[in-house]
N, C-alpha and C. Protein backbone atom coordinates (compact mmCIF):
# COMPACT_ATOMS: atom_id res chain seq x y z
N MET A 1 0.82 -1.24 0.20
CA MET A 1 0.12 0.34 -0.28
C MET A 1 1.19 1.16 -0.01
N ILE A 2 0.81 2.39 -0.81
CA ILE A 2 1.26 3.19 -0.92
C ILE A 2 0.64 4.48 -0.08
N ALA A 3 1.53 4.93 0.66
CA ALA A 3 0.91 6.22 1.68
C ALA A 3 0.56 7.52 0.90
N PRO A 4 -0.68 8.18 0.92
CA PRO A 4 -1.05 9.48 0.18
C PRO A 4 -0.04 10.53 0.41
N ILE A 5 0.39 11.41 -0.66
CA ILE A 5 1.26 12.24 -0.57
C ILE A 5 0.44 13.56 0.27
N GLN A 6 1.26 13.88 1.37
CA GLN A 6 0.87 14.83 2.18
C GLN A 6 0.92 16.37 1.74
N PRO A 7 0.25 17.33 1.87
CA PRO A 7 0.26 18.70 1.56
C PRO A 7 1.27 19.33 1.93
N ALA A 8 1.85 20.33 1.45
CA ALA A 8 2.95 21.24 2.16
C ALA A 8 2.00 21.97 2.96
N LEU A 9 2.94 23.01 3.95
CA LEU A 9 2.15 23.72 4.56
C LEU A 9 1.18 24.97 4.02
N ASP A 10 1.59 25.36 2.71
CA ASP A 10 0.53 26.18 1.78
C ASP A 10 -0.42 25.42 1.02
N GLY A 11 -0.77 24.17 1.05
CA GLY A 11 -1.62 23.61 0.46
C GLY A 11 -1.35 22.73 -0.46
N SER A 12 -0.51 23.31 -1.24
CA SER A 12 0.06 22.84 -2.06
C SER A 12 0.64 21.18 -2.29
N VAL A 13 0.69 20.37 -3.50
CA VAL A 13 0.62 18.89 -2.96
C VAL A 13 1.62 18.66 -4.21
N PRO A 14 2.91 18.63 -3.77
CA PRO A 14 4.09 17.92 -4.34
C PRO A 14 3.82 16.89 -5.55
N ALA A 15 4.48 17.11 -6.54
CA ALA A 15 4.55 16.17 -7.67
C ALA A 15 5.16 14.96 -7.06
N PRO A 16 4.44 13.63 -7.75
CA PRO A 16 5.14 12.43 -7.22
C PRO A 16 6.27 12.32 -7.81
N ALA A 17 7.51 11.46 -6.97
CA ALA A 17 8.83 11.29 -7.84
C ALA A 17 8.96 10.51 -8.55
N VAL A 18 9.52 10.81 -10.14
CA VAL A 18 9.69 9.93 -11.18
C VAL A 18 10.46 8.80 -10.87
N ASP A 19 10.04 7.91 -11.48
CA ASP A 19 10.79 6.97 -10.96
C ASP A 19 11.91 6.71 -11.85
N TYR A 20 13.30 6.23 -11.31
CA TYR A 20 14.65 6.17 -12.34
C TYR A 20 14.92 5.83 -13.48
N HIS A 21 14.13 4.82 -14.00
CA HIS A 21 13.85 4.86 -15.41
C HIS A 21 13.58 5.62 -16.08
N SER A 22 11.99 6.03 -15.64
CA SER A 22 11.21 6.98 -16.69
C SER A 22 12.60 8.75 -16.99
N TRP A 23 12.80 8.68 -15.61
CA TRP A 23 14.07 10.31 -15.15
C TRP A 23 15.11 9.88 -16.63
N CYS A 24 15.75 8.44 -16.58
CA CYS A 24 16.61 8.65 -18.07
C CYS A 24 16.34 8.76 -18.87
N ASP A 25 14.69 7.87 -19.30
CA ASP A 25 14.14 8.37 -20.61
C ASP A 25 14.09 9.79 -21.04
N LEU A 26 13.69 10.51 -20.07
CA LEU A 26 13.51 11.60 -20.30
C LEU A 26 14.88 12.90 -20.38
N VAL A 27 15.60 12.28 -19.69
CA VAL A 27 16.98 13.12 -19.83
C VAL A 27 18.30 13.02 -20.93
N ARG A 28 18.35 11.28 -21.04
CA ARG A 28 19.16 10.84 -21.92
C ARG A 28 19.51 11.69 -23.30
N PRO A 29 18.09 12.23 -24.20
CA PRO A 29 18.25 12.51 -25.48
C PRO A 29 18.73 13.90 -24.96
N VAL A 30 19.14 14.48 -24.04
CA VAL A 30 20.00 16.03 -23.81
C VAL A 30 21.48 15.27 -23.68
N PHE A 31 21.38 14.55 -23.41
CA PHE A 31 23.08 14.06 -22.92
C PHE A 31 23.55 13.27 -24.15
N VAL A 32 22.64 12.71 -25.34
CA VAL A 32 23.08 12.27 -26.08
C VAL A 32 23.25 13.71 -27.38
N ALA A 33 22.21 14.70 -27.21
CA ALA A 33 22.84 15.84 -28.32
C ALA A 33 23.91 16.41 -27.80
N ALA A 34 24.67 16.70 -26.19
CA ALA A 34 25.86 17.23 -25.82
C ALA A 34 26.71 16.17 -26.06
N ALA A 35 26.39 14.95 -25.93
CA ALA A 35 28.00 13.88 -26.61
C ALA A 35 27.98 14.57 -28.23
N GLN A 36 27.14 14.22 -28.94
CA GLN A 36 26.92 14.29 -30.24
C GLN A 36 27.67 15.67 -30.72
N SER A 37 27.56 16.97 -29.92
CA SER A 37 28.24 18.00 -30.25
C SER A 37 29.47 18.41 -30.24
N GLY A 38 30.45 17.31 -29.64
CA GLY A 38 31.65 17.59 -29.80
C GLY A 38 32.27 18.13 -28.59
N ARG A 39 31.86 18.54 -28.22
CA ARG A 39 32.14 19.64 -27.09
C ARG A 39 32.42 19.26 -25.83
N ARG A 40 33.26 19.66 -24.64
CA ARG A 40 33.55 18.83 -23.56
C ARG A 40 32.29 19.83 -22.67
N PHE A 41 32.09 19.07 -21.30
CA PHE A 41 30.85 19.40 -20.57
C PHE A 41 30.91 18.90 -19.11
N THR A 42 30.31 19.17 -18.27
CA THR A 42 30.09 18.53 -17.00
C THR A 42 28.52 18.37 -17.09
N VAL A 43 28.11 17.15 -16.16
CA VAL A 43 26.87 17.23 -16.17
C VAL A 43 25.80 18.01 -15.42
N TYR A 44 26.77 18.86 -14.65
CA TYR A 44 25.73 19.88 -13.86
C TYR A 44 25.59 21.11 -15.11
N GLU A 45 26.53 21.40 -15.95
CA GLU A 45 26.07 22.06 -17.03
C GLU A 45 24.84 22.05 -17.76
N VAL A 46 25.45 20.24 -18.84
CA VAL A 46 24.08 20.15 -19.04
C VAL A 46 22.81 20.07 -18.59
N ALA A 47 22.68 19.36 -17.56
CA ALA A 47 21.37 19.99 -16.41
C ALA A 47 20.59 21.22 -16.03
N LYS A 48 22.00 21.96 -15.79
CA LYS A 48 21.80 23.38 -15.73
C LYS A 48 20.99 24.22 -16.86
N ASP A 49 21.96 24.17 -18.09
CA ASP A 49 21.39 24.69 -19.31
C ASP A 49 20.27 24.39 -19.89
N ASN A 50 19.56 22.87 -19.75
CA ASN A 50 18.86 22.56 -19.87
C ASN A 50 17.41 22.27 -19.20
N ASP A 51 17.61 22.82 -17.66
CA ASP A 51 16.76 23.02 -16.85
C ASP A 51 16.40 21.77 -16.51
N LEU A 52 16.77 20.27 -16.65
CA LEU A 52 16.61 19.13 -16.19
C LEU A 52 16.26 18.95 -14.71
N PRO A 53 15.24 18.22 -15.01
CA PRO A 53 14.56 17.68 -13.26
C PRO A 53 15.36 16.87 -12.36
N GLU A 54 15.43 17.06 -11.33
CA GLU A 54 16.39 15.97 -10.36
C GLU A 54 15.98 14.82 -10.23
N PRO A 55 16.73 13.95 -10.24
CA PRO A 55 16.01 12.35 -9.93
C PRO A 55 15.66 12.76 -8.49
N GLY A 56 15.19 11.02 -8.50
CA GLY A 56 14.42 11.10 -7.29
C GLY A 56 15.96 10.86 -6.16
N ASN A 57 17.00 10.51 -6.35
CA ASN A 57 18.13 10.15 -5.74
C ASN A 57 19.05 10.67 -6.33
N PRO A 58 19.29 12.09 -6.00
CA PRO A 58 20.38 12.97 -6.64
C PRO A 58 21.72 12.54 -6.52
N ARG A 59 22.23 12.23 -5.23
CA ARG A 59 23.52 11.71 -5.14
C ARG A 59 23.75 10.37 -5.89
N ALA A 60 22.96 9.79 -6.40
CA ALA A 60 23.28 8.42 -6.88
C ALA A 60 23.19 8.25 -7.99
N ASP A 61 22.07 8.93 -8.32
CA ASP A 61 21.29 8.70 -10.00
C ASP A 61 22.10 9.48 -11.17
N TRP A 62 22.62 10.76 -10.67
CA TRP A 62 23.63 11.71 -11.71
C TRP A 62 25.09 10.67 -12.44
N GLY A 63 25.21 10.10 -10.82
CA GLY A 63 26.23 9.18 -11.53
C GLY A 63 26.23 8.05 -11.98
N ASN A 64 24.98 7.61 -11.57
CA ASN A 64 24.60 6.30 -12.27
C ASN A 64 24.64 6.20 -13.67
N LEU A 65 23.34 7.67 -14.10
CA LEU A 65 23.13 7.78 -15.34
C LEU A 65 24.70 8.05 -16.29
N THR A 66 25.40 9.02 -16.13
CA THR A 66 26.66 9.05 -16.35
C THR A 66 27.44 7.62 -16.89
N GLN A 67 27.43 7.01 -15.86
CA GLN A 67 28.40 5.59 -16.20
C GLN A 67 27.67 4.93 -16.89
N ALA A 68 26.04 4.74 -17.01
CA ALA A 68 25.09 3.88 -18.30
C ALA A 68 25.74 4.50 -19.22
N LEU A 69 25.95 6.00 -19.64
CA LEU A 69 26.03 6.47 -20.86
C LEU A 69 27.61 6.21 -21.31
N VAL A 70 28.57 5.84 -20.41
CA VAL A 70 29.82 5.52 -20.56
C VAL A 70 29.67 3.86 -20.97
N ARG A 71 29.39 3.18 -20.18
CA ARG A 71 29.27 1.57 -20.71
C ARG A 71 28.24 1.35 -22.36
N ASP A 72 27.67 2.48 -22.33
CA ASP A 72 26.78 2.42 -24.03
C ASP A 72 27.93 2.94 -25.03
N GLY A 73 28.64 3.36 -24.51
CA GLY A 73 29.52 3.64 -25.74
C GLY A 73 29.62 5.33 -25.99
N LEU A 74 28.54 6.20 -25.28
CA LEU A 74 27.89 7.53 -25.59
C LEU A 74 29.26 8.80 -25.20
N LEU A 75 29.43 8.20 -23.89
CA LEU A 75 30.85 9.68 -23.31
C LEU A 75 31.83 8.96 -22.81
N GLU A 76 33.08 9.71 -22.75
CA GLU A 76 34.30 9.27 -22.25
C GLU A 76 34.70 10.56 -21.67
N HIS A 77 35.39 10.05 -20.62
CA HIS A 77 35.88 11.08 -19.53
C HIS A 77 36.93 11.67 -20.03
N CYS A 78 37.15 12.86 -19.70
CA CYS A 78 38.36 13.88 -20.92
C CYS A 78 38.76 14.54 -19.88
N GLY A 79 38.61 14.37 -18.02
CA GLY A 79 39.43 15.44 -17.54
C GLY A 79 38.62 15.76 -16.52
N PHE A 80 39.32 16.96 -15.68
CA PHE A 80 38.45 17.66 -14.30
C PHE A 80 38.59 18.94 -14.88
N ASP A 81 37.54 19.34 -13.89
CA ASP A 81 37.15 20.80 -14.02
C ASP A 81 37.11 21.35 -12.38
N ARG A 82 37.94 22.21 -12.17
CA ARG A 82 38.58 22.51 -10.87
C ARG A 82 37.93 23.95 -10.56
N THR A 83 37.05 24.32 -10.99
CA THR A 83 36.46 25.74 -10.37
C THR A 83 35.50 25.76 -9.30
N LEU A 84 35.24 27.17 -8.92
CA LEU A 84 34.15 27.06 -7.79
C LEU A 84 32.82 26.73 -8.31
N ARG A 85 32.42 25.81 -7.22
CA ARG A 85 31.09 24.86 -7.64
C ARG A 85 29.77 26.28 -7.03
N PRO A 86 28.35 25.68 -7.39
CA PRO A 86 27.16 25.99 -6.63
C PRO A 86 27.49 26.48 -5.41
N SER A 87 27.99 25.22 -4.82
CA SER A 87 28.07 25.31 -3.40
C SER A 87 29.26 26.44 -2.36
N GLY A 88 29.97 26.72 -3.72
CA GLY A 88 31.26 28.03 -2.74
C GLY A 88 32.49 27.00 -2.40
N GLU A 89 32.19 25.74 -2.82
CA GLU A 89 33.36 24.97 -2.52
C GLU A 89 34.17 24.45 -3.55
N HIS A 90 35.70 24.58 -3.67
CA HIS A 90 36.28 24.16 -4.94
C HIS A 90 36.38 22.61 -4.69
N SER A 91 36.04 21.90 -5.94
CA SER A 91 35.92 20.63 -6.39
C SER A 91 36.09 20.25 -7.39
N ALA A 92 36.96 18.86 -7.57
CA ALA A 92 37.23 18.16 -9.00
C ALA A 92 35.97 17.88 -9.69
N VAL A 93 35.52 18.21 -10.38
CA VAL A 93 34.37 17.60 -10.91
C VAL A 93 34.48 16.95 -12.26
N SER A 94 34.15 15.76 -12.89
CA SER A 94 34.75 15.34 -14.28
C SER A 94 34.25 16.36 -15.38
N VAL A 95 34.90 16.07 -16.31
CA VAL A 95 34.63 16.79 -17.62
C VAL A 95 34.64 15.39 -18.62
N TRP A 96 33.36 15.65 -19.62
CA TRP A 96 33.20 14.23 -20.46
C TRP A 96 32.88 14.85 -21.76
N ARG A 97 33.00 14.16 -22.57
CA ARG A 97 32.73 14.69 -24.43
C ARG A 97 32.36 13.23 -25.10
N GLY A 98 31.54 13.50 -26.08
CA GLY A 98 31.25 12.48 -26.64
C GLY A 98 32.55 11.65 -27.47
N THR A 99 32.10 10.16 -27.35
CA THR A 99 32.97 9.43 -27.97
C THR A 99 33.13 9.92 -29.92
N ARG A 100 33.81 9.24 -30.07
CA ARG A 100 34.10 9.58 -31.89
C ARG A 100 33.04 9.08 -32.66
N ALA A 101 31.75 8.03 -31.94
CA ALA A 101 31.04 7.19 -32.65
C ALA A 101 29.96 8.12 -32.10
N ALA A 102 29.64 8.74 -30.96
CA ALA A 102 28.63 9.48 -30.84
C ALA A 102 28.72 10.61 -31.80
N GLN A 103 29.59 11.21 -31.55
CA GLN A 103 30.06 12.68 -32.37
C GLN A 103 29.32 12.43 -33.87
N ALA A 104 29.78 11.08 -34.59
CA ALA A 104 29.47 11.11 -35.93
C ALA A 104 27.81 10.22 -35.82
N GLY A 105 27.41 10.14 -34.70
CA GLY A 105 25.96 9.75 -34.94
C GLY A 105 25.44 8.57 -34.67
N ARG A 106 26.49 7.42 -34.35
CA ARG A 106 26.29 5.86 -34.76
C ARG A 106 25.64 5.59 -33.37
N ILE A 107 26.04 6.24 -32.27
CA ILE A 107 25.54 5.57 -31.11
C ILE A 107 24.31 6.89 -30.40
N THR A 108 23.23 6.40 -30.04
CA THR A 108 22.47 7.53 -29.36
C THR A 108 21.72 6.88 -28.06
């Protein structure tokens, strides 16, 4: 039995969380386009630039998606970005680019 979603204090009802696989189906085409572009990017940049929704478990799901794209031959790791993050902390963030096959449109 699933418990009903409790309204917030202002009376609004939050949208139900999308399951991981549905979320992947929603955001994957954006990452395919980024991979085909040939430019270098971070996952954060792609998500922010395209106003992508947060997954149900942000701490794990972004990484799981990225690793799935790597396993599918779409992305390859090409370095680290050590710039200031929105959190105000300096941290090393992976930089990705599309594989040659992805850039040629052979992998989607």
